[in-house]
């Protein structure tokens, strides 16, 4: 069973309420102030942890780009 983009956005918005999130064709760009001073690898781990419940069951692949303003 695949996850809808709406469901994926809802999960991300709950975990990162202050983020600007762009999702297109399972390519994710998330801009969150909480990522400031956090290494890129850890930023990606935070996103992967947020998606842990659906990774590999409903979501098999996603491209992640993180940044902060």
Protein backbone atom coordinates (compact mmCIF):
# COMPACT_ATOMS: atom_id res chain seq x y z
CA UNK A 1 0.00 0.00 0.00
CA UNK A 2 1.43 3.39 -0.98
CA UNK A 3 1.15 6.55 1.05
CA UNK A 4 -0.59 9.58 -0.39
CA UNK A 5 1.24 12.89 -0.62
CA UNK A 6 -1.44 14.39 1.66
CA UNK A 7 -0.79 11.79 4.36
CA UNK A 8 2.96 12.28 4.05
CA UNK A 9 2.59 16.06 4.37
CA UNK A 10 0.38 15.65 7.43
CA UNK A 11 3.01 13.52 9.18
CA UNK A 12 5.74 16.02 8.37
CA UNK A 13 3.67 19.04 9.42
CA UNK A 14 2.96 17.39 12.77
CA UNK A 15 6.65 16.66 13.39
CA UNK A 16 7.97 19.95 11.98
CA UNK A 17 5.22 22.54 12.64
CA UNK A 18 7.43 25.54 11.80
CA UNK A 19 8.78 24.10 8.56
CA UNK A 20 8.17 25.11 5.00
CA UNK A 21 7.61 21.81 3.22
CA UNK A 22 7.63 21.15 -0.50
CA UNK A 23 6.78 17.71 -1.80
CA UNK A 24 6.62 16.74 -5.44
CA UNK A 25 6.78 13.21 -6.77
CA UNK A 26 8.25 11.99 -3.48
CA UNK A 27 11.05 14.51 -3.59
CA UNK A 28 10.97 16.35 -0.29
CA UNK A 29 12.41 19.75 0.55
CA UNK A 30 11.99 20.78 4.16
CA UNK A 31 13.15 24.14 5.46
CA UNK A 32 12.94 24.31 9.25
CA UNK A 33 14.58 26.78 11.64
CA UNK A 34 15.21 23.92 14.09
CA UNK A 35 17.83 22.54 11.68
CA UNK A 36 20.14 25.49 12.40
CA UNK A 37 23.51 24.33 13.79
CA UNK A 38 22.60 20.67 13.21
CA UNK A 39 24.81 18.70 10.79
CA UNK A 40 23.16 17.71 7.52
CA UNK A 41 23.32 13.99 8.29
CA UNK A 42 21.50 14.53 11.59
CA UNK A 43 18.88 16.71 9.84
CA UNK A 44 18.16 13.81 7.48
CA UNK A 45 18.02 11.39 10.41
CA UNK A 46 15.42 13.62 12.09
CA UNK A 47 13.27 13.50 8.96
CA UNK A 48 13.74 9.75 8.60
CA UNK A 49 12.78 9.27 12.26
CA UNK A 50 9.64 11.35 11.71
CA UNK A 51 8.76 9.06 8.80
CA UNK A 52 9.80 5.82 10.52
CA UNK A 53 6.24 4.59 10.91
CA UNK A 54 5.62 4.63 7.15
CA UNK A 55 9.12 4.00 5.79
CA UNK A 56 9.42 0.61 4.10
CA UNK A 57 5.73 -0.20 4.61
CA UNK A 58 3.91 2.59 2.77
CA UNK A 59 6.86 4.67 1.60
CA UNK A 60 9.64 2.86 -0.18
CA UNK A 61 11.75 5.74 -1.42
CA UNK A 62 12.01 9.48 -0.96
CA UNK A 63 14.61 12.10 -1.81
CA UNK A 64 15.23 14.43 1.12
CA UNK A 65 16.72 17.92 1.02
CA UNK A 66 16.89 19.85 4.27
CA UNK A 67 17.84 23.44 5.00
CA UNK A 68 17.17 26.31 7.38
CA UNK A 69 16.84 30.06 7.04
